[in-house]
Amino acid sequence: MRLERVAVIGAGAWGTALAQAAAVAGRDVLVVGRDAVVVDEINAHHANSEYLGPVALSPRIGASLNFNATTDFVIFAVPAQHTRAAIESIGGKALAGKPVILAAKGLEQKTLKRQSEILAELAPEAMPLALSGPSFAEDVAAGRPTAVTLAGDDLALADAVAAALAGTGFRPYAAGDLAGVELCGGLKNVYAIGCGAVEGAGLGASARAGLIARAYAELSRLVVALGGQAATLHGLAGLGDLTLSCTSTQSRNYRAGVALGSGVITAAPQVESMVLVEGVFTAPAAQQLAHRLGIEVPLIDAVNLLLSGEMHINDIVAGLMARPLKRED
């Protein structure tokens, strides 16, 4: 399969960073954006200053307001709640037979669907892959060492596309657990909000570490119940991404949690640039899925309480600490 030309849908920080990684790997890249100013700057000055500051982009990257159907494979790097609209704008026929990498991390709030399930609904002949793992756009764009997981039900396809994207600073590991990788990527954002709230409320490093450990246990139960593989939790998309997102202020979800915990904001609607804080939308979707399956998810429940503005983080943590004692799982 020819994998020389890639279209990246989304000209924000993450889309442009992935375009840079693909270009460094030797691919010819077309970034498809909605803002003519951003598109013109990429073409004329090899830069996207609005989203990536002074980073110099590869001359192998071009930009357009329109999708080019002759591309060999596609990366969707729009917010998770916008994936459906982005696919609809291109059309299922244009994606038929092409590997499609879904780089957003989140569940669609209205339907509770994973990103690949949205793609399967709208473009059933596309070949879905999920990109996830501990990675920030700034690091990828700057060429700093970054390792991620690229998962697909077709493992041979995942191997081939991973090889096409591998470069000096970007290392994708192929995996076969599409559902598990997507679920880890989406759900870790919910826990990142909780960890940020603990930090914002000044509850201490011990509390945050304990929350991360219990989040890992809760995440493991939920991912397996929803069709993912337990082994995925031990890798980059699981433990790696959970650790990064729950400890770094570079994470939008963590920063939103800090703001909630410190009282700067008091409920989800006050989160700045909320569409980019994927955990705000995934939290209620994850809660619905867990309750539907009869799985206890006290931490996801707690984050939903926090986002609703019904309780302060101190009261939520007190409630968690008062839960009946149990053996560690």
C-alpha atoms as a PDB file:
ATOM      1  CA  MET A   1       0.000   0.000   0.000  1.00  0.00           C
ATOM      2  CA  ARG A   2       1.291   3.428  -0.949  1.00  0.00           C
ATOM      3  CA  LEU A   3       1.633   5.691   2.119  1.00  0.00           C
ATOM      4  CA  GLU A   4       3.451   8.737   0.789  1.00  0.00           C
ATOM      5  CA  ARG A   5       0.808  11.480   0.915  1.00  0.00           C
ATOM      6  CA  VAL A   6      -1.158  12.279   4.051  1.00  0.00           C
ATOM      7  CA  ALA A   7      -3.924  14.779   4.693  1.00  0.00           C
ATOM      8  CA  VAL A   8      -4.234  16.114   8.236  1.00  0.00           C
ATOM      9  CA  ILE A   9      -7.724  17.383   9.037  1.00  0.00           C
ATOM     10  CA  GLY A  10      -7.339  20.174  11.577  1.00  0.00           C
ATOM     11  CA  ALA A  11      -4.872  23.071  11.553  1.00  0.00           C
ATOM     12  CA  GLY A  12      -4.677  23.557  15.306  1.00  0.00           C
ATOM     13  CA  ALA A  13      -1.693  22.739  17.492  1.00  0.00           C
ATOM     14  CA  TRP A  14      -2.188  18.966  17.455  1.00  0.00           C
ATOM     15  CA  GLY A  15      -2.934  18.692  13.752  1.00  0.00           C
ATOM     16  CA  THR A  16       0.045  20.849  12.812  1.00  0.00           C
ATOM     17  CA  ALA A  17       2.323  18.949  15.182  1.00  0.00           C
ATOM     18  CA  LEU A  18       1.312  15.622  13.628  1.00  0.00           C
ATOM     19  CA  ALA A  19       1.829  17.138  10.188  1.00  0.00           C
ATOM     20  CA  GLN A  20       5.350  18.082  11.241  1.00  0.00           C
ATOM     21  CA  ALA A  21       6.032  14.560  12.511  1.00  0.00           C
ATOM     22  CA  ALA A  22       4.783  13.060   9.248  1.00  0.00           C
ATOM     23  CA  ALA A  23       6.898  15.463   7.198  1.00  0.00           C
ATOM     24  CA  VAL A  24      10.024  14.657   9.205  1.00  0.00           C
ATOM     25  CA  ALA A  25       9.277  10.988   8.505  1.00  0.00           C
ATOM     26  CA  GLY A  26       9.440  11.796   4.776  1.00  0.00           C
ATOM     27  CA  ARG A  27       5.761  12.065   3.934  1.00  0.00           C
ATOM     28  CA  ASP A  28       4.189  14.816   1.814  1.00  0.00           C
ATOM     29  CA  VAL A  29       1.585  16.511   3.991  1.00  0.00           C
ATOM     30  CA  LEU A  30      -1.521  18.589   3.313  1.00  0.00           C
ATOM     31  CA  VAL A  31      -3.026  20.307   6.355  1.00  0.00           C
ATOM     32  CA  VAL A  32      -6.734  20.991   5.866  1.00  0.00           C
ATOM     33  CA  GLY A  33      -7.947  23.920   7.945  1.00  0.00           C
ATOM     34  CA  ARG A  34     -10.881  26.309   8.217  1.00  0.00           C
ATOM     35  CA  ASP A  35      -8.988  29.544   8.886  1.00  0.00           C
ATOM     36  CA  ALA A  36      -7.622  31.146   5.713  1.00  0.00           C
ATOM     37  CA  VAL A  37      -5.079  33.167   7.708  1.00  0.00           C
ATOM     38  CA  VAL A  38      -3.581  30.014   9.226  1.00  0.00           C
ATOM     39  CA  VAL A  39      -3.583  28.241   5.856  1.00  0.00           C
ATOM     40  CA  ASP A  40      -1.834  31.180   4.178  1.00  0.00           C
ATOM     41  CA  GLU A  41       0.823  31.392   6.902  1.00  0.00           C
ATOM     42  CA  ILE A  42       1.626  27.693   6.604  1.00  0.00           C
ATOM     43  CA  ASN A  43       2.016  28.001   2.843  1.00  0.00           C
ATOM     44  CA  ALA A  44       3.867  31.319   2.735  1.00  0.00           C
ATOM     45  CA  HIS A  45       5.999  31.197   5.873  1.00  0.00           C
ATOM     46  CA  HIS A  46       6.156  27.529   6.950  1.00  0.00           C
ATOM     47  CA  ALA A  47       4.730  28.462  10.336  1.00  0.00           C
ATOM     48  CA  ASN A  48       1.541  28.305  12.392  1.00  0.00           C
ATOM     49  CA  SER A  49       2.279  31.028  14.914  1.00  0.00           C
ATOM     50  CA  GLU A  50      -1.233  31.129  16.352  1.00  0.00           C
ATOM     51  CA  TYR A  51      -0.990  27.561  17.621  1.00  0.00           C
ATOM     52  CA  LEU A  52       2.707  26.651  17.715  1.00  0.00           C
ATOM     53  CA  GLY A  53       4.509  29.956  18.108  1.00  0.00           C
ATOM     54  CA  PRO A  54       7.898  30.214  16.387  1.00  0.00           C
ATOM     55  CA  VAL A  55       8.252  26.533  15.401  1.00  0.00           C
ATOM     56  CA  ALA A  56       9.578  26.287  11.837  1.00  0.00           C
ATOM     57  CA  LEU A  57       7.492  23.836   9.813  1.00  0.00           C
ATOM     58  CA  SER A  58       8.876  21.497   7.183  1.00  0.00           C
ATOM     59  CA  PRO A  59       8.635  22.674   3.567  1.00  0.00           C
ATOM     60  CA  ARG A  60       6.987  19.295   2.877  1.00  0.00           C
ATOM     61  CA  ILE A  61       3.860  20.668   4.566  1.00  0.00           C
ATOM     62  CA  GLY A  62       1.261  22.549   2.553  1.00  0.00           C
ATOM     63  CA  ALA A  63      -2.170  23.740   3.628  1.00  0.00           C
ATOM     64  CA  SER A  64      -5.589  24.138   2.072  1.00  0.00           C
ATOM     65  CA  LEU A  65      -9.170  24.934   2.950  1.00  0.00           C
ATOM     66  CA  ASN A  66     -10.232  21.866   0.953  1.00  0.00           C
ATOM     67  CA  PHE A  67      -9.606  18.117   1.256  1.00  0.00           C
ATOM     68  CA  ASN A  68      -7.674  16.408  -1.542  1.00  0.00           C
ATOM     69  CA  ALA A  69      -9.155  12.994  -2.250  1.00  0.00           C
ATOM     70  CA  THR A  70      -5.953  11.737  -3.909  1.00  0.00           C
ATOM     71  CA  THR A  71      -4.174  11.498  -0.552  1.00  0.00           C
ATOM     72  CA  ASP A  72      -3.003   8.021   0.532  1.00  0.00           C
ATOM     73  CA  PHE A  73      -4.069   8.219   4.169  1.00  0.00           C
ATOM     74  CA  VAL A  74      -5.760  10.684   6.509  1.00  0.00           C
ATOM     75  CA  ILE A  75      -5.271  11.942  10.056  1.00  0.00           C
ATOM     76  CA  PHE A  76      -8.222  13.507  11.862  1.00  0.00           C
ATOM     77  CA  ALA A  77      -6.918  15.927  14.499  1.00  0.00           C
ATOM     78  CA  VAL A  78     -10.037  17.903  15.372  1.00  0.00           C
ATOM     79  CA  PRO A  79     -11.659  17.944  18.848  1.00  0.00           C
ATOM     80  CA  ALA A  80     -13.538  14.740  19.616  1.00  0.00           C
ATOM     81  CA  GLN A  81     -16.918  16.452  19.603  1.00  0.00           C
ATOM     82  CA  HIS A  82     -16.214  17.788  16.084  1.00  0.00           C
ATOM     83  CA  THR A  83     -15.099  14.510  14.488  1.00  0.00           C
ATOM     84  CA  ARG A  84     -18.568  13.666  13.183  1.00  0.00           C
ATOM     85  CA  ALA A  85     -18.938  17.022  11.428  1.00  0.00           C
ATOM     86  CA  ALA A  86     -15.429  16.778   9.967  1.00  0.00           C
ATOM     87  CA  ILE A  87     -16.083  13.332   8.519  1.00  0.00           C
ATOM     88  CA  GLU A  88     -19.451  14.421   7.152  1.00  0.00           C
ATOM     89  CA  SER A  89     -17.859  17.418   5.444  1.00  0.00           C
ATOM     90  CA  ILE A  90     -15.438  15.156   3.570  1.00  0.00           C
ATOM     91  CA  GLY A  91     -17.866  12.328   2.913  1.00  0.00           C
ATOM     92  CA  GLY A  92     -17.585   8.620   3.378  1.00  0.00           C
ATOM     93  CA  LYS A  93     -16.800   7.895  -0.279  1.00  0.00           C
ATOM     94  CA  ALA A  94     -13.673  10.056  -0.194  1.00  0.00           C
ATOM     95  CA  LEU A  95     -12.358   8.011   2.751  1.00  0.00           C
ATOM     96  CA  ALA A  96     -13.212   4.575   1.357  1.00  0.00           C
ATOM     97  CA  GLY A  97     -10.248   2.235   1.241  1.00  0.00           C
ATOM     98  CA  LYS A  98      -7.950   4.690   3.025  1.00  0.00           C
ATOM     99  CA  PRO A  99      -6.267   4.281   6.415  1.00  0.00           C
ATOM    100  CA  VAL A 100      -7.822   6.915   8.673  1.00  0.00           C
ATOM    101  CA  ILE A 101      -6.000   7.834  11.884  1.00  0.00           C
ATOM    102  CA  LEU A 102      -8.194   9.236  14.633  1.00  0.00           C
ATOM    103  CA  ALA A 103      -6.088  11.412  16.901  1.00  0.00           C
ATOM    104  CA  ALA A 104      -8.803  12.906  19.134  1.00  0.00           C
ATOM    105  CA  LYS A 105      -9.190  11.425  22.616  1.00  0.00           C
ATOM    106  CA  GLY A 106     -12.762  11.332  23.767  1.00  0.00           C
ATOM    107  CA  LEU A 107     -16.234   9.837  23.611  1.00  0.00           C
ATOM    108  CA  GLU A 108     -18.958  11.584  21.642  1.00  0.00           C
ATOM    109  CA  GLN A 109     -21.225  12.986  24.330  1.00  0.00           C
ATOM    110  CA  LYS A 110     -24.582  12.537  22.594  1.00  0.00           C
ATOM    111  CA  THR A 111     -24.040   9.000  21.297  1.00  0.00           C
ATOM    112  CA  LEU A 112     -21.394   7.684  23.772  1.00  0.00           C
ATOM    113  CA  LYS A 113     -19.451   6.428  20.729  1.00  0.00           C
ATOM    114  CA  ARG A 114     -15.721   6.077  20.358  1.00  0.00           C
ATOM    115  CA  GLN A 115     -14.079   7.934  17.485  1.00  0.00           C
ATOM    116  CA  SER A 116     -13.704   4.791  15.365  1.00  0.00           C
ATOM    117  CA  GLU A 117     -17.389   3.983  15.883  1.00  0.00           C
ATOM    118  CA  ILE A 118     -18.293   7.386  14.463  1.00  0.00           C
ATOM    119  CA  LEU A 119     -16.048   6.691  11.470  1.00  0.00           C
ATOM    120  CA  ALA A 120     -17.594   3.239  10.971  1.00  0.00           C
ATOM    121  CA  GLU A 121     -21.049   4.799  10.932  1.00  0.00           C
ATOM    122  CA  LEU A 122     -20.219   7.531   8.418  1.00  0.00           C
ATOM    123  CA  ALA A 123     -17.451   5.931   6.346  1.00  0.00           C
ATOM    124  CA  PRO A 124     -17.806   2.151   6.716  1.00  0.00           C
ATOM    125  CA  GLU A 125     -15.224   1.408   4.020  1.00  0.00           C
ATOM    126  CA  ALA A 126     -12.472   3.450   5.678  1.00  0.00           C
ATOM    127  CA  MET A 127      -9.702   1.658   7.574  1.00  0.00           C
ATOM    128  CA  PRO A 128      -9.697   2.979  11.172  1.00  0.00           C
ATOM    129  CA  LEU A 129      -6.643   3.501  13.360  1.00  0.00           C
ATOM    130  CA  ALA A 130      -6.354   5.268  16.717  1.00  0.00           C
ATOM    131  CA  LEU A 131      -3.351   7.339  17.784  1.00  0.00           C
ATOM    132  CA  SER A 132      -2.908   7.776  21.520  1.00  0.00           C
ATOM    133  CA  GLY A 133      -0.258   7.884  24.218  1.00  0.00           C
ATOM    134  CA  PRO A 134       1.719  10.402  26.283  1.00  0.00           C
ATOM    135  CA  SER A 135       2.209  13.296  23.883  1.00  0.00           C
ATOM    136  CA  PHE A 136       1.824  17.059  23.811  1.00  0.00           C
ATOM    137  CA  ALA A 137       1.667  19.034  20.582  1.00  0.00           C
ATOM    138  CA  GLU A 138       4.537  21.307  21.606  1.00  0.00           C
ATOM    139  CA  ASP A 139       6.860  18.334  22.140  1.00  0.00           C
ATOM    140  CA  VAL A 140       5.923  16.600  18.889  1.00  0.00           C
ATOM    141  CA  ALA A 141       6.258  19.775  16.828  1.00  0.00           C
ATOM    142  CA  ALA A 142       9.663  20.539  18.344  1.00  0.00           C
ATOM    143  CA  GLY A 143      10.928  17.034  17.569  1.00  0.00           C
ATOM    144  CA  ARG A 144      11.366  16.048  21.218  1.00  0.00           C
ATOM    145  CA  PRO A 145      11.385  12.275  21.790  1.00  0.00           C
ATOM    146  CA  THR A 146       7.774  11.063  21.890  1.00  0.00           C
ATOM    147  CA  ALA A 147       6.439   7.506  21.891  1.00  0.00           C
ATOM    148  CA  VAL A 148       2.791   6.752  21.138  1.00  0.00           C
ATOM    149  CA  THR A 149       0.512   3.843  20.294  1.00  0.00           C
ATOM    150  CA  LEU A 150      -1.068   3.417  16.861  1.00  0.00           C
ATOM    151  CA  ALA A 151      -3.825   0.822  17.107  1.00  0.00           C
ATOM    152  CA  GLY A 152      -6.046  -0.878  14.584  1.00  0.00           C
ATOM    153  CA  ASP A 153      -7.999  -4.092  14.268  1.00  0.00           C
ATOM    154  CA  ASP A 154      -5.796  -4.809  11.226  1.00  0.00           C
ATOM    155  CA  LEU A 155      -2.395  -5.153  12.893  1.00  0.00           C
ATOM    156  CA  ALA A 156      -0.521  -5.392   9.593  1.00  0.00           C
ATOM    157  CA  LEU A 157      -2.016  -2.048   8.565  1.00  0.00           C
ATOM    158  CA  ALA A 158      -1.049  -0.541  11.913  1.00  0.00           C
ATOM    159  CA  ASP A 159       2.527  -1.763  11.383  1.00  0.00           C
ATOM    160  CA  ALA A 160       2.687  -0.181   7.921  1.00  0.00           C
ATOM    161  CA  VAL A 161       1.250   3.187   8.947  1.00  0.00           C
ATOM    162  CA  ALA A 162       3.433   3.292  12.078  1.00  0.00           C
ATOM    163  CA  ALA A 163       6.487   2.811   9.857  1.00  0.00           C
ATOM    164  CA  ALA A 164       5.282   5.629   7.579  1.00  0.00           C
ATOM    165  CA  LEU A 165       5.066   8.046  10.527  1.00  0.00           C
ATOM    166  CA  ALA A 166       8.184   7.031  12.445  1.00  0.00           C
ATOM    167  CA  GLY A 167      10.906   9.661  12.513  1.00  0.00           C
ATOM    168  CA  THR A 168      13.839  10.843  14.553  1.00  0.00           C
ATOM    169  CA  GLY A 169      11.665  12.150  17.394  1.00  0.00           C
ATOM    170  CA  PHE A 170       8.334  10.402  16.875  1.00  0.00           C
ATOM    171  CA  ARG A 171       8.025   6.669  17.540  1.00  0.00           C
ATOM    172  CA  PRO A 172       4.637   4.974  17.037  1.00  0.00           C
ATOM    173  CA  TYR A 173       4.211   1.449  18.421  1.00  0.00           C
ATOM    174  CA  ALA A 174       1.663  -0.632  16.513  1.00  0.00           C
ATOM    175  CA  ALA A 175      -1.049  -2.407  18.505  1.00  0.00           C
ATOM    176  CA  GLY A 176      -4.154  -4.431  17.743  1.00  0.00           C
ATOM    177  CA  ASP A 177      -6.486  -3.220  20.509  1.00  0.00           C
ATOM    178  CA  LEU A 178      -8.378  -0.399  18.799  1.00  0.00           C
ATOM    179  CA  ALA A 179     -11.153  -0.199  21.402  1.00  0.00           C
ATOM    180  CA  GLY A 180      -8.801  -0.337  24.383  1.00  0.00           C
ATOM    181  CA  VAL A 181      -6.484   2.358  23.072  1.00  0.00           C
ATOM    182  CA  GLU A 182      -9.388   4.684  22.298  1.00  0.00           C
ATOM    183  CA  LEU A 183     -10.963   4.137  25.705  1.00  0.00           C
ATOM    184  CA  CYS A 184      -7.697   4.731  27.562  1.00  0.00           C
ATOM    185  CA  GLY A 185      -7.121   7.929  25.618  1.00  0.00           C
ATOM    186  CA  GLY A 186     -10.583   9.291  26.294  1.00  0.00           C
ATOM    187  CA  LEU A 187     -11.050   8.237  29.906  1.00  0.00           C
ATOM    188  CA  LYS A 188      -7.670   9.441  31.165  1.00  0.00           C
ATOM    189  CA  ASN A 189      -8.854  13.008  30.484  1.00  0.00           C
ATOM    190  CA  VAL A 190     -11.600  12.556  33.076  1.00  0.00           C
ATOM    191  CA  TYR A 191      -9.087  11.491  35.711  1.00  0.00           C
ATOM    192  CA  ALA A 192      -6.785  14.363  34.732  1.00  0.00           C
ATOM    193  CA  ILE A 193      -9.532  16.813  35.677  1.00  0.00           C
ATOM    194  CA  GLY A 194      -9.816  15.110  39.072  1.00  0.00           C
ATOM    195  CA  CYS A 195      -6.072  15.202  39.674  1.00  0.00           C
ATOM    196  CA  GLY A 196      -5.929  18.853  38.708  1.00  0.00           C
ATOM    197  CA  ALA A 197      -8.721  19.611  41.171  1.00  0.00           C
ATOM    198  CA  VAL A 198      -6.782  17.893  43.956  1.00  0.00           C
ATOM    199  CA  GLU A 199      -3.773  20.036  43.071  1.00  0.00           C
ATOM    200  CA  GLY A 200      -5.852  23.221  42.849  1.00  0.00           C
ATOM    201  CA  ALA A 201      -7.394  22.586  46.255  1.00  0.00           C
ATOM    202  CA  GLY A 202      -3.961  22.096  47.818  1.00  0.00           C
ATOM    203  CA  LEU A 203      -4.743  18.579  49.035  1.00  0.00           C
ATOM    204  CA  GLY A 204      -1.155  17.411  48.572  1.00  0.00           C
ATOM    205  CA  ALA A 205       1.012  15.188  46.414  1.00  0.00           C
ATOM    206  CA  SER A 206       0.030  12.078  48.381  1.00  0.00           C
ATOM    207  CA  ALA A 207      -3.636  12.617  47.554  1.00  0.00           C
ATOM    208  CA  ARG A 208      -2.856  13.095  43.888  1.00  0.00           C
ATOM    209  CA  ALA A 209      -0.685   9.957  43.736  1.00  0.00           C
ATOM    210  CA  GLY A 210      -3.392   7.952  45.462  1.00  0.00           C
ATOM    211  CA  LEU A 211      -5.971   9.237  43.007  1.00  0.00           C
ATOM    212  CA  ILE A 212      -3.804   8.242  40.032  1.00  0.00           C
ATOM    213  CA  ALA A 213      -3.377   4.718  41.418  1.00  0.00           C
ATOM    214  CA  ARG A 214      -7.090   4.277  42.067  1.00  0.00           C
ATOM    215  CA  ALA A 215      -7.866   5.826  38.674  1.00  0.00           C
ATOM    216  CA  TYR A 216      -5.692   3.183  37.056  1.00  0.00           C
ATOM    217  CA  ALA A 217      -7.654   0.431  38.811  1.00  0.00           C
ATOM    218  CA  GLU A 218     -10.993   1.987  37.855  1.00  0.00           C
ATOM    219  CA  LEU A 219      -9.848   2.567  34.281  1.00  0.00           C
ATOM    220  CA  SER A 220      -8.753  -1.067  34.027  1.00  0.00           C
ATOM    221  CA  ARG A 221     -12.162  -2.370  35.039  1.00  0.00           C
ATOM    222  CA  LEU A 222     -14.032  -0.082  32.685  1.00  0.00           C
ATOM    223  CA  VAL A 223     -11.823  -0.564  29.627  1.00  0.00           C
ATOM    224  CA  VAL A 224     -12.022  -4.361  29.832  1.00  0.00           C
ATOM    225  CA  ALA A 225     -15.791  -4.255  30.382  1.00  0.00           C
ATOM    226  CA  LEU A 226     -16.157  -2.089  27.262  1.00  0.00           C
ATOM    227  CA  GLY A 227     -14.199  -4.463  25.059  1.00  0.00           C
ATOM    228  CA  GLY A 228     -10.577  -3.404  25.500  1.00  0.00           C
ATOM    229  CA  GLN A 229      -7.662  -5.634  26.454  1.00  0.00           C
ATOM    230  CA  ALA A 230      -6.119  -5.582  29.928  1.00  0.00           C
ATOM    231  CA  ALA A 231      -2.592  -5.500  28.470  1.00  0.00           C
ATOM    232  CA  THR A 232      -3.273  -2.117  26.868  1.00  0.00           C
ATOM    233  CA  LEU A 233      -3.494  -0.560  30.330  1.00  0.00           C
ATOM    234  CA  HIS A 234       0.189  -1.336  30.936  1.00  0.00           C
ATOM    235  CA  GLY A 235       1.433   0.501  27.859  1.00  0.00           C
ATOM    236  CA  LEU A 236       1.790   3.968  26.418  1.00  0.00           C
ATOM    237  CA  ALA A 237      -1.922   4.524  25.808  1.00  0.00           C
ATOM    238  CA  GLY A 238      -2.770   3.373  29.323  1.00  0.00           C
ATOM    239  CA  LEU A 239      -0.315   4.023  32.130  1.00  0.00           C
ATOM    240  CA  GLY A 240       1.857   6.334  30.036  1.00  0.00           C
ATOM    241  CA  ASP A 241      -0.874   8.747  29.010  1.00  0.00           C
ATOM    242  CA  LEU A 242      -2.661   8.589  32.369  1.00  0.00           C
ATOM    243  CA  THR A 243       0.520   9.552  34.207  1.00  0.00           C
ATOM    244  CA  LEU A 244       1.342  12.439  31.886  1.00  0.00           C
ATOM    245  CA  SER A 245      -2.136  13.919  31.798  1.00  0.00           C
ATOM    246  CA  CYS A 246      -2.614  13.634  35.566  1.00  0.00           C
ATOM    247  CA  THR A 247       0.620  15.398  36.481  1.00  0.00           C
ATOM    248  CA  SER A 248       1.371  18.101  33.904  1.00  0.00           C
ATOM    249  CA  THR A 249       0.046  21.632  33.584  1.00  0.00           C
ATOM    250  CA  GLN A 250       0.526  21.259  29.817  1.00  0.00           C
ATOM    251  CA  SER A 251      -2.635  19.141  29.907  1.00  0.00           C
ATOM    252  CA  ARG A 252      -5.749  21.245  29.300  1.00  0.00           C
ATOM    253  CA  ASN A 253      -7.790  18.791  31.331  1.00  0.00           C
ATOM    254  CA  TYR A 254      -5.423  19.022  34.279  1.00  0.00           C
ATOM    255  CA  ARG A 255      -5.437  22.837  34.094  1.00  0.00           C
ATOM    256  CA  ALA A 256      -9.247  22.847  34.037  1.00  0.00           C
ATOM    257  CA  GLY A 257      -9.216  20.688  37.152  1.00  0.00           C
ATOM    258  CA  VAL A 258      -6.790  23.053  38.885  1.00  0.00           C
ATOM    259  CA  ALA A 259      -9.131  25.949  38.122  1.00  0.00           C
ATOM    260  CA  LEU A 260     -12.104  24.014  39.497  1.00  0.00           C
ATOM    261  CA  GLY A 261     -10.243  22.892  42.607  1.00  0.00           C
ATOM    262  CA  SER A 262      -8.912  26.342  43.407  1.00  0.00           C
ATOM    263  CA  GLY A 263     -12.310  27.973  42.959  1.00  0.00           C
ATOM    264  CA  VAL A 264     -11.272  30.096  39.966  1.00  0.00           C
ATOM    265  CA  ILE A 265     -14.217  28.474  38.206  1.00  0.00           C
ATOM    266  CA  THR A 266     -17.070  26.540  39.784  1.00  0.00           C
ATOM    267  CA  ALA A 267     -18.642  24.416  37.028  1.00  0.00           C
ATOM    268  CA  ALA A 268     -17.984  22.976  33.570  1.00  0.00           C
ATOM    269  CA  PRO A 269     -19.592  25.792  31.524  1.00  0.00           C
ATOM    270  CA  GLN A 270     -16.964  28.194  32.864  1.00  0.00           C
ATOM    271  CA  VAL A 271     -14.060  26.143  31.476  1.00  0.00           C
ATOM    272  CA  GLU A 272     -12.205  28.327  28.973  1.00  0.00           C
ATOM    273  CA  SER A 273     -12.035  26.848  25.429  1.00  0.00           C
ATOM    274  CA  MET A 274     -14.190  24.001  26.723  1.00  0.00           C
ATOM    275  CA  VAL A 275     -14.297  22.132  23.408  1.00  0.00           C
ATOM    276  CA  LEU A 276     -10.567  21.468  23.789  1.00  0.00           C
ATOM    277  CA  VAL A 277     -10.974  20.107  27.331  1.00  0.00           C
ATOM    278  CA  GLU A 278     -12.123  16.707  26.141  1.00  0.00           C
ATOM    279  CA  GLY A 279     -12.708  15.300  29.627  1.00  0.00           C
ATOM    280  CA  VAL A 280     -15.613  17.702  30.222  1.00  0.00           C
ATOM    281  CA  PHE A 281     -17.606  15.899  27.525  1.00  0.00           C
ATOM    282  CA  THR A 282     -16.261  12.394  28.107  1.00  0.00           C
ATOM    283  CA  ALA A 283     -17.029  12.415  31.854  1.00  0.00           C
ATOM    284  CA  PRO A 284     -20.839  12.187  31.548  1.00  0.00           C
ATOM    285  CA  ALA A 285     -20.563   9.762  28.618  1.00  0.00           C
ATOM    286  CA  ALA A 286     -18.233   7.486  30.596  1.00  0.00           C
ATOM    287  CA  GLN A 287     -20.548   7.643  33.600  1.00  0.00           C
ATOM    288  CA  GLN A 288     -23.520   6.585  31.483  1.00  0.00           C
ATOM    289  CA  LEU A 289     -21.600   3.681  29.944  1.00  0.00           C
ATOM    290  CA  ALA A 290     -20.345   2.478  33.340  1.00  0.00           C
ATOM    291  CA  HIS A 291     -23.757   2.673  34.994  1.00  0.00           C
ATOM    292  CA  ARG A 292     -25.313   0.864  32.038  1.00  0.00           C
ATOM    293  CA  LEU A 293     -22.889  -2.015  32.669  1.00  0.00           C
ATOM    294  CA  GLY A 294     -23.321  -1.910  36.444  1.00  0.00           C
ATOM    295  CA  ILE A 295     -19.669  -0.994  37.047  1.00  0.00           C
ATOM    296  CA  GLU A 296     -18.745   1.134  40.063  1.00  0.00           C
ATOM    297  CA  VAL A 297     -16.771   4.196  38.983  1.00  0.00           C
ATOM    298  CA  PRO A 298     -16.570   6.420  42.075  1.00  0.00           C
ATOM    299  CA  LEU A 299     -13.855   8.636  40.592  1.00  0.00           C
ATOM    300  CA  ILE A 300     -15.750   9.283  37.351  1.00  0.00           C
ATOM    301  CA  ASP A 301     -18.846   9.971  39.464  1.00  0.00           C
ATOM    302  CA  ALA A 302     -16.792  12.402  41.552  1.00  0.00           C
ATOM    303  CA  VAL A 303     -15.530  14.301  38.506  1.00  0.00           C
ATOM    304  CA  ASN A 304     -19.088  14.634  37.236  1.00  0.00           C
ATOM    305  CA  LEU A 305     -20.124  16.097  40.585  1.00  0.00           C
ATOM    306  CA  LEU A 306     -17.235  18.539  40.337  1.00  0.00           C
ATOM    307  CA  LEU A 307     -18.140  19.570  36.785  1.00  0.00           C
ATOM    308  CA  SER A 308     -21.786  20.073  37.732  1.00  0.00           C
ATOM    309  CA  GLY A 309     -20.828  22.588  40.416  1.00  0.00           C
ATOM    310  CA  GLU A 310     -22.912  20.662  42.961  1.00  0.00           C
ATOM    311  CA  MET A 311     -20.018  19.989  45.343  1.00  0.00           C
ATOM    312  CA  HIS A 312     -16.577  21.408  46.098  1.00  0.00           C
ATOM    313  CA  ILE A 313     -13.550  19.160  45.671  1.00  0.00           C
ATOM    314  CA  ASN A 314     -12.953  19.064  49.445  1.00  0.00           C
ATOM    315  CA  ASP A 315     -16.424  17.632  50.063  1.00  0.00           C
ATOM    316  CA  ILE A 316     -16.086  15.200  47.171  1.00  0.00           C
ATOM    317  CA  VAL A 317     -12.771  13.872  48.487  1.00  0.00           C
ATOM    318  CA  ALA A 318     -14.211  13.594  51.980  1.00  0.00           C
ATOM    319  CA  GLY A 319     -16.990  11.442  50.559  1.00  0.00           C
ATOM    320  CA  LEU A 320     -14.498   9.219  48.752  1.00  0.00           C
ATOM    321  CA  MET A 321     -12.428   8.818  51.914  1.00  0.00           C
ATOM    322  CA  ALA A 322     -15.553   7.799  53.841  1.00  0.00           C
ATOM    323  CA  ARG A 323     -16.461   4.971  51.458  1.00  0.00           C
ATOM    324  CA  PRO A 324     -16.492   1.501  53.081  1.00  0.00           C
ATOM    325  CA  LEU A 325     -13.033  -0.032  53.374  1.00  0.00           C
ATOM    326  CA  LYS A 326     -12.207  -2.731  50.855  1.00  0.00           C
ATOM    327  CA  ARG A 327      -9.313  -4.809  49.648  1.00  0.00           C
ATOM    328  CA  GLU A 328      -7.162  -3.253  46.958  1.00  0.00           C
ATOM    329  CA  ASP A 329      -7.868  -4.520  43.448  1.00  0.00           C
END
